[in-house]
Amino acid sequence: MNKNIKKIAVVGPESTGKSTISQLLAKYYKVSWVPEYARYYCENLVADYTLQDEVNMYYGQVALEDAILVTTESDFIICDTTFITVKIWSDEVLGETPQVVLDALPKKPYDLYLLMDIDLPWQDDPLRDFPEKREYFMEVWHQELQALQANYQVIGGLGEERVANAVRAIDDFLSR
């Protein structure tokens, strides 16, 4: 595995365009894209999720990312979210975070995080839960990224402006 592959993560609260923009960015740069494992996992749940489900989603996200890292020819990859989401949801919904996730957070950093702003209109989706808590979750994302001393940029704007802002942030990062 090429250890020099940079990881750029598209993160943020629900309904901020993470999946859409991460796919557009991967296509724009012609690089590999890591989808959000939790979406696939939750689509198949038949009961309320548990702490074990959160652990499963952590391992699934890491496995997807690792599979892309070993097969990509790119200098960097675009990740549709990260397992930090597992920590945020576990804390909020279950009141605790699986230890495996806490242990991995400082050991599996990303080179750049694009934190999607909450300036997009809410889009209903069966897997989205908290339309009234967008500001709260935006603040949580800031706190989590700052706790990791992460390199991150907030990306706002609608439509093509949002994509252009993300491209500018990535170009600035890659030119350093």
N, C-alpha and C. Protein backbone atom coordinates (compact mmCIF):
# COMPACT_ATOMS: atom_id res chain seq x y z
N MET A 1 0.85 -1.19 0.00
CA MET A 1 0.00 0.00 0.00
C MET A 1 0.88 1.24 0.00
N ASN A 2 0.55 2.17 -0.85
CA ASN A 2 1.26 3.44 -0.92
C ASN A 2 0.90 4.28 0.31
N LYS A 3 1.87 4.48 1.19
CA LYS A 3 1.62 5.21 2.43
C LYS A 3 1.48 6.72 2.21
N ASN A 4 1.78 7.20 1.01
CA ASN A 4 1.73 8.63 0.76
C ASN A 4 0.40 9.10 0.20
N ILE A 5 -0.58 8.23 0.15
CA ILE A 5 -1.89 8.63 -0.35
C ILE A 5 -2.56 9.51 0.70
N LYS A 6 -2.95 10.70 0.28
CA LYS A 6 -3.62 11.62 1.19
C LYS A 6 -5.10 11.28 1.24
N LYS A 7 -5.69 11.53 2.42
CA LYS A 7 -7.11 11.27 2.61
C LYS A 7 -7.82 12.59 2.87
N ILE A 8 -8.81 12.88 2.03
CA ILE A 8 -9.63 14.07 2.18
C ILE A 8 -11.04 13.61 2.53
N ALA A 9 -11.52 14.06 3.68
CA ALA A 9 -12.82 13.62 4.19
C ALA A 9 -13.85 14.73 4.05
N VAL A 10 -15.02 14.37 3.57
CA VAL A 10 -16.16 15.28 3.48
C VAL A 10 -17.09 14.91 4.63
N VAL A 11 -17.23 15.83 5.59
CA VAL A 11 -17.94 15.53 6.82
C VAL A 11 -18.96 16.62 7.13
N GLY A 12 -19.78 16.36 8.14
CA GLY A 12 -20.71 17.38 8.60
C GLY A 12 -22.03 16.80 9.05
N PRO A 13 -22.91 17.68 9.51
CA PRO A 13 -24.23 17.26 9.96
C PRO A 13 -25.05 16.63 8.83
N GLU A 14 -26.21 16.10 9.21
CA GLU A 14 -27.12 15.51 8.24
C GLU A 14 -27.56 16.54 7.21
N SER A 15 -27.81 16.07 6.00
CA SER A 15 -28.41 16.86 4.93
C SER A 15 -27.60 18.10 4.58
N THR A 16 -26.28 17.91 4.47
CA THR A 16 -25.41 19.01 4.05
C THR A 16 -24.72 18.73 2.72
N GLY A 17 -25.13 17.66 2.04
CA GLY A 17 -24.62 17.38 0.71
C GLY A 17 -23.33 16.60 0.67
N LYS A 18 -22.99 15.89 1.73
CA LYS A 18 -21.71 15.17 1.79
C LYS A 18 -21.55 14.13 0.68
N SER A 19 -22.56 13.30 0.51
CA SER A 19 -22.45 12.24 -0.50
C SER A 19 -22.39 12.82 -1.90
N THR A 20 -23.23 13.79 -2.16
CA THR A 20 -23.24 14.41 -3.49
C THR A 20 -21.91 15.07 -3.79
N ILE A 21 -21.43 15.90 -2.87
CA ILE A 21 -20.20 16.64 -3.16
C ILE A 21 -18.98 15.72 -3.18
N SER A 22 -18.95 14.70 -2.34
CA SER A 22 -17.79 13.80 -2.36
C SER A 22 -17.70 13.06 -3.70
N GLN A 23 -18.84 12.66 -4.24
CA GLN A 23 -18.83 11.99 -5.54
C GLN A 23 -18.43 12.96 -6.66
N LEU A 24 -18.96 14.20 -6.60
CA LEU A 24 -18.58 15.20 -7.60
C LEU A 24 -17.09 15.51 -7.55
N LEU A 25 -16.54 15.61 -6.34
CA LEU A 25 -15.11 15.90 -6.20
C LEU A 25 -14.25 14.75 -6.73
N ALA A 26 -14.65 13.53 -6.42
CA ALA A 26 -13.89 12.37 -6.91
C ALA A 26 -13.90 12.35 -8.44
N LYS A 27 -15.05 12.65 -9.04
CA LYS A 27 -15.14 12.69 -10.49
C LYS A 27 -14.31 13.84 -11.06
N TYR A 28 -14.39 15.00 -10.44
CA TYR A 28 -13.66 16.18 -10.90
C TYR A 28 -12.15 15.92 -10.90
N TYR A 29 -11.65 15.33 -9.80
CA TYR A 29 -10.20 15.09 -9.68
C TYR A 29 -9.78 13.75 -10.27
N LYS A 30 -10.76 12.93 -10.67
CA LYS A 30 -10.48 11.59 -11.20
C LYS A 30 -9.69 10.76 -10.19
N VAL A 31 -10.22 10.74 -8.95
CA VAL A 31 -9.62 9.97 -7.87
C VAL A 31 -10.65 9.01 -7.30
N SER A 32 -10.19 8.11 -6.49
CA SER A 32 -11.07 7.13 -5.87
C SER A 32 -11.93 7.77 -4.78
N TRP A 33 -13.10 7.19 -4.60
CA TRP A 33 -14.10 7.70 -3.66
C TRP A 33 -14.48 6.58 -2.70
N VAL A 34 -14.56 6.90 -1.41
CA VAL A 34 -14.99 5.94 -0.39
C VAL A 34 -16.40 6.33 0.04
N PRO A 35 -17.38 5.47 -0.23
CA PRO A 35 -18.75 5.80 0.18
C PRO A 35 -18.94 5.68 1.70
N GLU A 36 -20.09 6.17 2.16
CA GLU A 36 -20.41 6.10 3.58
C GLU A 36 -21.00 4.73 3.90
N TYR A 37 -20.26 3.93 4.65
CA TYR A 37 -20.69 2.58 4.98
C TYR A 37 -21.97 2.57 5.82
N ALA A 38 -22.10 3.51 6.75
CA ALA A 38 -23.24 3.52 7.66
C ALA A 38 -24.57 3.61 6.91
N ARG A 39 -24.59 4.29 5.79
CA ARG A 39 -25.84 4.41 5.01
C ARG A 39 -26.29 3.02 4.57
N TYR A 40 -25.38 2.23 4.01
CA TYR A 40 -25.73 0.89 3.56
C TYR A 40 -26.14 0.02 4.74
N TYR A 41 -25.41 0.14 5.82
CA TYR A 41 -25.67 -0.66 7.01
C TYR A 41 -27.06 -0.34 7.57
N CYS A 42 -27.35 0.93 7.75
CA CYS A 42 -28.62 1.34 8.37
C CYS A 42 -29.82 1.04 7.48
N GLU A 43 -29.63 1.05 6.17
CA GLU A 43 -30.73 0.71 5.26
C GLU A 43 -31.24 -0.71 5.50
N ASN A 44 -30.39 -1.56 6.06
CA ASN A 44 -30.75 -2.97 6.26
C ASN A 44 -31.06 -3.33 7.71
N LEU A 45 -31.05 -2.35 8.59
CA LEU A 45 -31.39 -2.62 10.00
C LEU A 45 -32.89 -2.87 10.12
N VAL A 46 -33.24 -3.83 10.96
CA VAL A 46 -34.65 -4.13 11.19
C VAL A 46 -35.09 -3.74 12.61
N ALA A 47 -34.16 -3.22 13.40
CA ALA A 47 -34.48 -2.78 14.77
C ALA A 47 -33.66 -1.52 15.06
N ASP A 48 -33.93 -0.87 16.18
CA ASP A 48 -33.13 0.28 16.58
C ASP A 48 -31.67 -0.15 16.70
N TYR A 49 -30.77 0.75 16.31
CA TYR A 49 -29.37 0.36 16.35
C TYR A 49 -28.83 0.42 17.77
N THR A 50 -27.79 -0.38 17.96
CA THR A 50 -27.19 -0.57 19.27
C THR A 50 -25.72 -0.16 19.22
N LEU A 51 -25.06 -0.21 20.36
CA LEU A 51 -23.64 0.08 20.41
C LEU A 51 -22.87 -0.90 19.51
N GLN A 52 -23.31 -2.16 19.47
CA GLN A 52 -22.65 -3.13 18.58
C GLN A 52 -22.82 -2.73 17.11
N ASP A 53 -23.96 -2.20 16.75
CA ASP A 53 -24.13 -1.71 15.38
C ASP A 53 -23.14 -0.59 15.08
N GLU A 54 -22.93 0.30 16.05
CA GLU A 54 -21.97 1.38 15.87
C GLU A 54 -20.56 0.82 15.66
N VAL A 55 -20.19 -0.21 16.43
CA VAL A 55 -18.89 -0.87 16.25
C VAL A 55 -18.81 -1.46 14.84
N ASN A 56 -19.89 -2.11 14.41
CA ASN A 56 -19.92 -2.70 13.07
C ASN A 56 -19.75 -1.63 12.00
N MET A 57 -20.40 -0.48 12.20
CA MET A 57 -20.27 0.60 11.22
C MET A 57 -18.85 1.16 11.21
N TYR A 58 -18.23 1.25 12.37
CA TYR A 58 -16.82 1.68 12.43
C TYR A 58 -15.96 0.74 11.59
N TYR A 59 -16.06 -0.56 11.87
CA TYR A 59 -15.23 -1.53 11.14
C TYR A 59 -15.55 -1.52 9.64
N GLY A 60 -16.80 -1.37 9.29
CA GLY A 60 -17.18 -1.32 7.88
C GLY A 60 -16.59 -0.12 7.17
N GLN A 61 -16.64 1.06 7.81
CA GLN A 61 -16.09 2.26 7.19
C GLN A 61 -14.58 2.13 7.00
N VAL A 62 -13.90 1.63 8.03
CA VAL A 62 -12.45 1.47 7.94
C VAL A 62 -12.08 0.44 6.86
N ALA A 63 -12.84 -0.64 6.78
CA ALA A 63 -12.55 -1.67 5.77
C ALA A 63 -12.75 -1.13 4.35
N LEU A 64 -13.82 -0.37 4.14
CA LEU A 64 -14.05 0.23 2.82
C LEU A 64 -12.88 1.15 2.45
N GLU A 65 -12.51 1.99 3.39
CA GLU A 65 -11.42 2.93 3.14
C GLU A 65 -10.11 2.19 2.85
N ASP A 66 -9.80 1.19 3.66
CA ASP A 66 -8.57 0.42 3.46
C ASP A 66 -8.56 -0.28 2.11
N ALA A 67 -9.73 -0.79 1.68
CA ALA A 67 -9.82 -1.45 0.38
C ALA A 67 -9.52 -0.47 -0.75
N ILE A 68 -10.02 0.74 -0.63
CA ILE A 68 -9.76 1.77 -1.65
C ILE A 68 -8.28 2.15 -1.62
N LEU A 69 -7.73 2.32 -0.42
CA LEU A 69 -6.32 2.73 -0.30
C LEU A 69 -5.37 1.72 -0.95
N VAL A 70 -5.66 0.44 -0.84
CA VAL A 70 -4.74 -0.55 -1.41
C VAL A 70 -4.91 -0.73 -2.91
N THR A 71 -6.03 -0.25 -3.45
CA THR A 71 -6.26 -0.46 -4.88
C THR A 71 -6.13 0.82 -5.71
N THR A 72 -6.12 1.97 -5.08
CA THR A 72 -6.13 3.22 -5.85
C THR A 72 -4.77 3.51 -6.49
N GLU A 73 -4.84 4.17 -7.62
CA GLU A 73 -3.65 4.67 -8.28
C GLU A 73 -3.49 6.17 -8.02
N SER A 74 -4.44 6.74 -7.29
CA SER A 74 -4.49 8.18 -7.03
C SER A 74 -3.49 8.61 -5.96
N ASP A 75 -3.15 9.90 -5.98
CA ASP A 75 -2.32 10.48 -4.92
C ASP A 75 -3.13 10.80 -3.68
N PHE A 76 -4.45 10.91 -3.87
CA PHE A 76 -5.34 11.14 -2.73
C PHE A 76 -6.69 10.51 -3.03
N ILE A 77 -7.47 10.33 -1.97
CA ILE A 77 -8.81 9.78 -2.10
C ILE A 77 -9.79 10.74 -1.42
N ILE A 78 -11.04 10.64 -1.83
CA ILE A 78 -12.12 11.43 -1.23
C ILE A 78 -12.98 10.45 -0.42
N CYS A 79 -13.19 10.78 0.85
CA CYS A 79 -13.98 9.92 1.74
C CYS A 79 -15.31 10.61 2.07
N ASP A 80 -16.41 9.94 1.77
CA ASP A 80 -17.73 10.43 2.14
C ASP A 80 -17.93 10.08 3.61
N THR A 81 -17.60 11.02 4.44
CA THR A 81 -17.64 10.96 5.90
C THR A 81 -16.49 10.09 6.44
N THR A 82 -16.43 9.98 7.75
CA THR A 82 -15.41 9.18 8.44
C THR A 82 -16.07 8.53 9.64
N PHE A 83 -15.32 7.71 10.33
CA PHE A 83 -15.89 7.06 11.50
C PHE A 83 -16.04 8.01 12.69
N ILE A 84 -15.65 9.28 12.55
CA ILE A 84 -15.98 10.26 13.59
C ILE A 84 -17.50 10.33 13.74
N THR A 85 -18.21 10.09 12.65
CA THR A 85 -19.67 10.06 12.70
C THR A 85 -20.16 9.03 13.71
N VAL A 86 -19.47 7.89 13.79
CA VAL A 86 -19.85 6.87 14.77
C VAL A 86 -19.76 7.44 16.18
N LYS A 87 -18.70 8.20 16.46
CA LYS A 87 -18.56 8.80 17.78
C LYS A 87 -19.69 9.79 18.05
N ILE A 88 -19.96 10.65 17.09
CA ILE A 88 -20.98 11.68 17.28
C ILE A 88 -22.36 11.05 17.50
N TRP A 89 -22.71 10.08 16.68
CA TRP A 89 -24.03 9.44 16.83
C TRP A 89 -24.10 8.58 18.08
N SER A 90 -23.04 7.86 18.38
CA SER A 90 -23.04 7.04 19.59
C SER A 90 -23.23 7.92 20.83
N ASP A 91 -22.48 9.00 20.89
CA ASP A 91 -22.61 9.92 22.04
C ASP A 91 -24.03 10.47 22.13
N GLU A 92 -24.58 10.89 21.01
CA GLU A 92 -25.90 11.54 21.02
C GLU A 92 -27.04 10.57 21.31
N VAL A 93 -27.03 9.43 20.64
CA VAL A 93 -28.18 8.53 20.69
C VAL A 93 -28.04 7.48 21.79
N LEU A 94 -26.81 7.01 22.01
CA LEU A 94 -26.61 5.91 22.96
C LEU A 94 -25.91 6.35 24.25
N GLY A 95 -25.41 7.59 24.27
CA GLY A 95 -24.80 8.11 25.48
C GLY A 95 -23.37 7.68 25.73
N GLU A 96 -22.78 6.96 24.79
CA GLU A 96 -21.38 6.53 24.92
C GLU A 96 -20.83 6.18 23.55
N THR A 97 -19.49 6.13 23.48
CA THR A 97 -18.81 5.77 22.24
C THR A 97 -18.06 4.46 22.46
N PRO A 98 -18.12 3.55 21.50
CA PRO A 98 -17.35 2.31 21.62
C PRO A 98 -15.85 2.62 21.79
N GLN A 99 -15.20 1.90 22.68
CA GLN A 99 -13.79 2.14 22.98
C GLN A 99 -12.91 2.00 21.74
N VAL A 100 -13.24 1.06 20.86
CA VAL A 100 -12.44 0.86 19.66
C VAL A 100 -12.41 2.13 18.81
N VAL A 101 -13.51 2.87 18.80
CA VAL A 101 -13.58 4.12 18.04
C VAL A 101 -12.73 5.19 18.72
N LEU A 102 -12.87 5.31 20.04
CA LEU A 102 -12.07 6.30 20.77
C LEU A 102 -10.57 6.04 20.59
N ASP A 103 -10.19 4.77 20.62
CA ASP A 103 -8.77 4.40 20.46
C ASP A 103 -8.27 4.74 19.06
N ALA A 104 -9.12 4.58 18.05
CA ALA A 104 -8.70 4.77 16.66
C ALA A 104 -8.65 6.23 16.23
N LEU A 105 -9.44 7.09 16.86
CA LEU A 105 -9.53 8.49 16.41
C LEU A 105 -8.17 9.17 16.23
N PRO A 106 -7.28 9.13 17.22
CA PRO A 106 -5.99 9.81 17.02
C PRO A 106 -5.03 9.03 16.11
N LYS A 107 -5.31 7.76 15.86
CA LYS A 107 -4.40 6.91 15.07
C LYS A 107 -4.73 6.89 13.59
N LYS A 108 -5.91 7.34 13.22
CA LYS A 108 -6.34 7.28 11.82
C LYS A 108 -6.77 8.67 11.35
N PRO A 109 -5.82 9.59 11.27
CA PRO A 109 -6.18 10.95 10.86
C PRO A 109 -6.39 11.07 9.35
N TYR A 110 -7.05 12.14 9.00
CA TYR A 110 -7.23 12.49 7.59
C TYR A 110 -6.40 13.76 7.36
N ASP A 111 -5.97 13.94 6.12
CA ASP A 111 -5.09 15.07 5.82
C ASP A 111 -5.86 16.39 5.71
N LEU A 112 -7.10 16.30 5.27
CA LEU A 112 -7.95 17.48 5.15
C LEU A 112 -9.39 17.05 5.34
N TYR A 113 -10.10 17.83 6.14
CA TYR A 113 -11.53 17.63 6.33
C TYR A 113 -12.25 18.81 5.70
N LEU A 114 -13.26 18.53 4.89
CA LEU A 114 -14.14 19.56 4.37
C LEU A 114 -15.44 19.44 5.17
N LEU A 115 -15.66 20.41 6.06
CA LEU A 115 -16.84 20.41 6.92
C LEU A 115 -17.96 21.14 6.20
N MET A 116 -18.97 20.39 5.77
CA MET A 116 -20.08 20.97 5.02
C MET A 116 -20.95 21.81 5.93
N ASP A 117 -21.20 23.03 5.49
CA ASP A 117 -22.00 23.96 6.28
C ASP A 117 -23.48 23.58 6.21
N ILE A 118 -24.25 24.09 7.15
CA ILE A 118 -25.68 23.79 7.24
C ILE A 118 -26.52 24.80 6.46
N ASP A 119 -25.93 25.42 5.45
CA ASP A 119 -26.63 26.43 4.66
C ASP A 119 -27.49 25.85 3.53
N LEU A 120 -27.50 24.53 3.40
CA LEU A 120 -28.39 23.89 2.42
C LEU A 120 -29.75 23.63 3.06
N PRO A 121 -30.83 23.66 2.28
CA PRO A 121 -32.13 23.31 2.84
C PRO A 121 -32.16 21.84 3.26
N TRP A 122 -32.88 21.55 4.31
CA TRP A 122 -33.04 20.18 4.80
C TRP A 122 -33.75 19.34 3.73
N GLN A 123 -33.23 18.13 3.49
CA GLN A 123 -33.86 17.17 2.59
C GLN A 123 -34.29 15.97 3.42
N ASP A 124 -35.57 15.66 3.41
CA ASP A 124 -36.04 14.49 4.16
C ASP A 124 -35.46 13.22 3.57
N ASP A 125 -35.17 12.28 4.45
CA ASP A 125 -34.59 10.99 4.09
C ASP A 125 -34.91 10.06 5.27
N PRO A 126 -35.31 8.84 5.01
CA PRO A 126 -35.65 7.93 6.11
C PRO A 126 -34.50 7.69 7.10
N LEU A 127 -33.25 7.93 6.67
CA LEU A 127 -32.10 7.70 7.55
C LEU A 127 -31.64 8.97 8.27
N ARG A 128 -32.39 10.04 8.14
CA ARG A 128 -32.04 11.29 8.83
C ARG A 128 -32.99 11.50 9.99
N ASP A 129 -32.43 11.96 11.11
CA ASP A 129 -33.21 11.99 12.34
C ASP A 129 -33.43 13.35 12.99
N PHE A 130 -32.57 14.33 12.75
CA PHE A 130 -32.59 15.52 13.59
C PHE A 130 -32.61 16.83 12.80
N PRO A 131 -33.69 17.11 12.07
CA PRO A 131 -33.72 18.37 11.31
C PRO A 131 -33.64 19.60 12.21
N GLU A 132 -34.10 19.48 13.44
CA GLU A 132 -34.12 20.63 14.35
C GLU A 132 -32.80 20.82 15.09
N LYS A 133 -31.83 19.94 14.88
CA LYS A 133 -30.57 20.02 15.63
C LYS A 133 -29.36 20.30 14.73
N ARG A 134 -29.57 20.91 13.60
CA ARG A 134 -28.46 21.13 12.67
C ARG A 134 -27.39 22.03 13.27
N GLU A 135 -27.78 23.13 13.91
CA GLU A 135 -26.80 24.04 14.52
C GLU A 135 -26.01 23.32 15.61
N TYR A 136 -26.72 22.55 16.41
CA TYR A 136 -26.07 21.78 17.47
C TYR A 136 -25.02 20.83 16.89
N PHE A 137 -25.41 20.07 15.88
CA PHE A 137 -24.45 19.11 15.30
C PHE A 137 -23.31 19.80 14.58
N MET A 138 -23.55 20.97 14.02
CA MET A 138 -22.45 21.73 13.40
C MET A 138 -21.42 22.09 14.47
N GLU A 139 -21.89 22.51 15.62
CA GLU A 139 -20.98 22.84 16.72
C GLU A 139 -20.23 21.59 17.20
N VAL A 140 -20.93 20.47 17.28
CA VAL A 140 -20.28 19.21 17.68
C VAL A 140 -19.17 18.86 16.70
N TRP A 141 -19.43 19.02 15.40
CA TRP A 141 -18.39 18.72 14.41
C TRP A 141 -17.17 19.62 14.61
N HIS A 142 -17.41 20.91 14.84
CA HIS A 142 -16.28 21.81 15.12
C HIS A 142 -15.49 21.32 16.33
N GLN A 143 -16.18 20.96 17.40
CA GLN A 143 -15.51 20.50 18.62
C GLN A 143 -14.70 19.23 18.38
N GLU A 144 -15.29 18.27 17.67
CA GLU A 144 -14.59 17.00 17.41
C GLU A 144 -13.35 17.23 16.55
N LEU A 145 -13.46 18.04 15.52
CA LEU A 145 -12.31 18.29 14.64
C LEU A 145 -11.24 19.09 15.38
N GLN A 146 -11.63 20.04 16.19
CA GLN A 146 -10.66 20.80 16.97
C GLN A 146 -9.97 19.91 18.00
N ALA A 147 -10.71 18.98 18.61
CA ALA A 147 -10.12 18.06 19.59
C ALA A 147 -9.03 17.20 18.93
N LEU A 148 -9.21 16.90 17.66
CA LEU A 148 -8.22 16.10 16.92
C LEU A 148 -7.12 16.97 16.32
N GLN A 149 -7.21 18.27 16.52
CA GLN A 149 -6.29 19.23 15.90
C GLN A 149 -6.27 19.00 14.39
N ALA A 150 -7.44 18.81 13.84
CA ALA A 150 -7.60 18.49 12.42
C ALA A 150 -7.43 19.72 11.55
N ASN A 151 -6.92 19.48 10.36
CA ASN A 151 -6.85 20.50 9.31
C ASN A 151 -8.21 20.46 8.61
N TYR A 152 -9.03 21.52 8.84
CA TYR A 152 -10.35 21.50 8.21
C TYR A 152 -10.77 22.88 7.74
N GLN A 153 -11.65 22.85 6.74
CA GLN A 153 -12.24 24.05 6.16
C GLN A 153 -13.75 23.88 6.13
N VAL A 154 -14.48 24.92 6.49
CA VAL A 154 -15.93 24.90 6.36
C VAL A 154 -16.26 25.26 4.91
N ILE A 155 -17.12 24.45 4.31
CA ILE A 155 -17.51 24.65 2.91
C ILE A 155 -18.99 25.01 2.86
N GLY A 156 -19.27 26.20 2.38
CA GLY A 156 -20.65 26.66 2.24
C GLY A 156 -20.95 26.99 0.80
N GLY A 157 -22.16 27.49 0.59
CA GLY A 157 -22.59 27.87 -0.74
C GLY A 157 -23.58 26.87 -1.30
N LEU A 158 -24.32 27.31 -2.28
CA LEU A 158 -25.33 26.46 -2.91
C LEU A 158 -24.87 26.03 -4.29
N GLY A 159 -25.22 24.83 -4.67
CA GLY A 159 -24.96 24.33 -6.02
C GLY A 159 -23.50 24.40 -6.42
N GLU A 160 -23.26 24.99 -7.60
CA GLU A 160 -21.91 25.06 -8.15
C GLU A 160 -20.96 25.87 -7.26
N GLU A 161 -21.51 26.85 -6.54
CA GLU A 161 -20.67 27.63 -5.63
C GLU A 161 -20.08 26.75 -4.54
N ARG A 162 -20.86 25.80 -4.02
CA ARG A 162 -20.39 24.89 -2.98
C ARG A 162 -19.27 24.01 -3.53
N VAL A 163 -19.47 23.48 -4.72
CA VAL A 163 -18.46 22.64 -5.36
C VAL A 163 -17.19 23.45 -5.59
N ALA A 164 -17.34 24.67 -6.10
CA ALA A 164 -16.17 25.53 -6.36
C ALA A 164 -15.42 25.83 -5.06
N ASN A 165 -16.14 26.05 -3.97
CA ASN A 165 -15.49 26.31 -2.68
C ASN A 165 -14.72 25.08 -2.20
N ALA A 166 -15.28 23.91 -2.42
CA ALA A 166 -14.59 22.67 -2.04
C ALA A 166 -13.35 22.45 -2.91
N VAL A 167 -13.47 22.68 -4.19
CA VAL A 167 -12.33 22.55 -5.11
C VAL A 167 -11.22 23.52 -4.70
N ARG A 168 -11.58 24.74 -4.38
CA ARG A 168 -10.59 25.74 -3.96
C ARG A 168 -9.86 25.28 -2.69
N ALA A 169 -10.60 24.74 -1.74
CA ALA A 169 -9.99 24.26 -0.50
C ALA A 169 -9.02 23.10 -0.77
N ILE A 170 -9.42 22.19 -1.64
CA ILE A 170 -8.55 21.05 -1.98
C ILE A 170 -7.33 21.53 -2.76
N ASP A 171 -7.54 22.40 -3.73
CA ASP A 171 -6.40 22.92 -4.50
C ASP A 171 -5.40 23.64 -3.60
N ASP A 172 -5.91 24.46 -2.68
CA ASP A 172 -5.02 25.13 -1.72
C ASP A 172 -4.24 24.14 -0.89
N PHE A 173 -4.92 23.10 -0.43
CA PHE A 173 -4.27 22.07 0.37
C PHE A 173 -3.20 21.33 -0.44
N LEU A 174 -3.54 20.94 -1.66
CA LEU A 174 -2.59 20.18 -2.48
C LEU A 174 -1.39 21.01 -2.93
N SER A 175 -1.54 22.33 -3.00
CA SER A 175 -0.44 23.17 -3.46
C SER A 175 0.58 23.47 -2.36
N ARG A 176 0.29 23.09 -1.14
CA ARG A 176 1.22 23.34 -0.03
C ARG A 176 2.35 22.36 -0.01
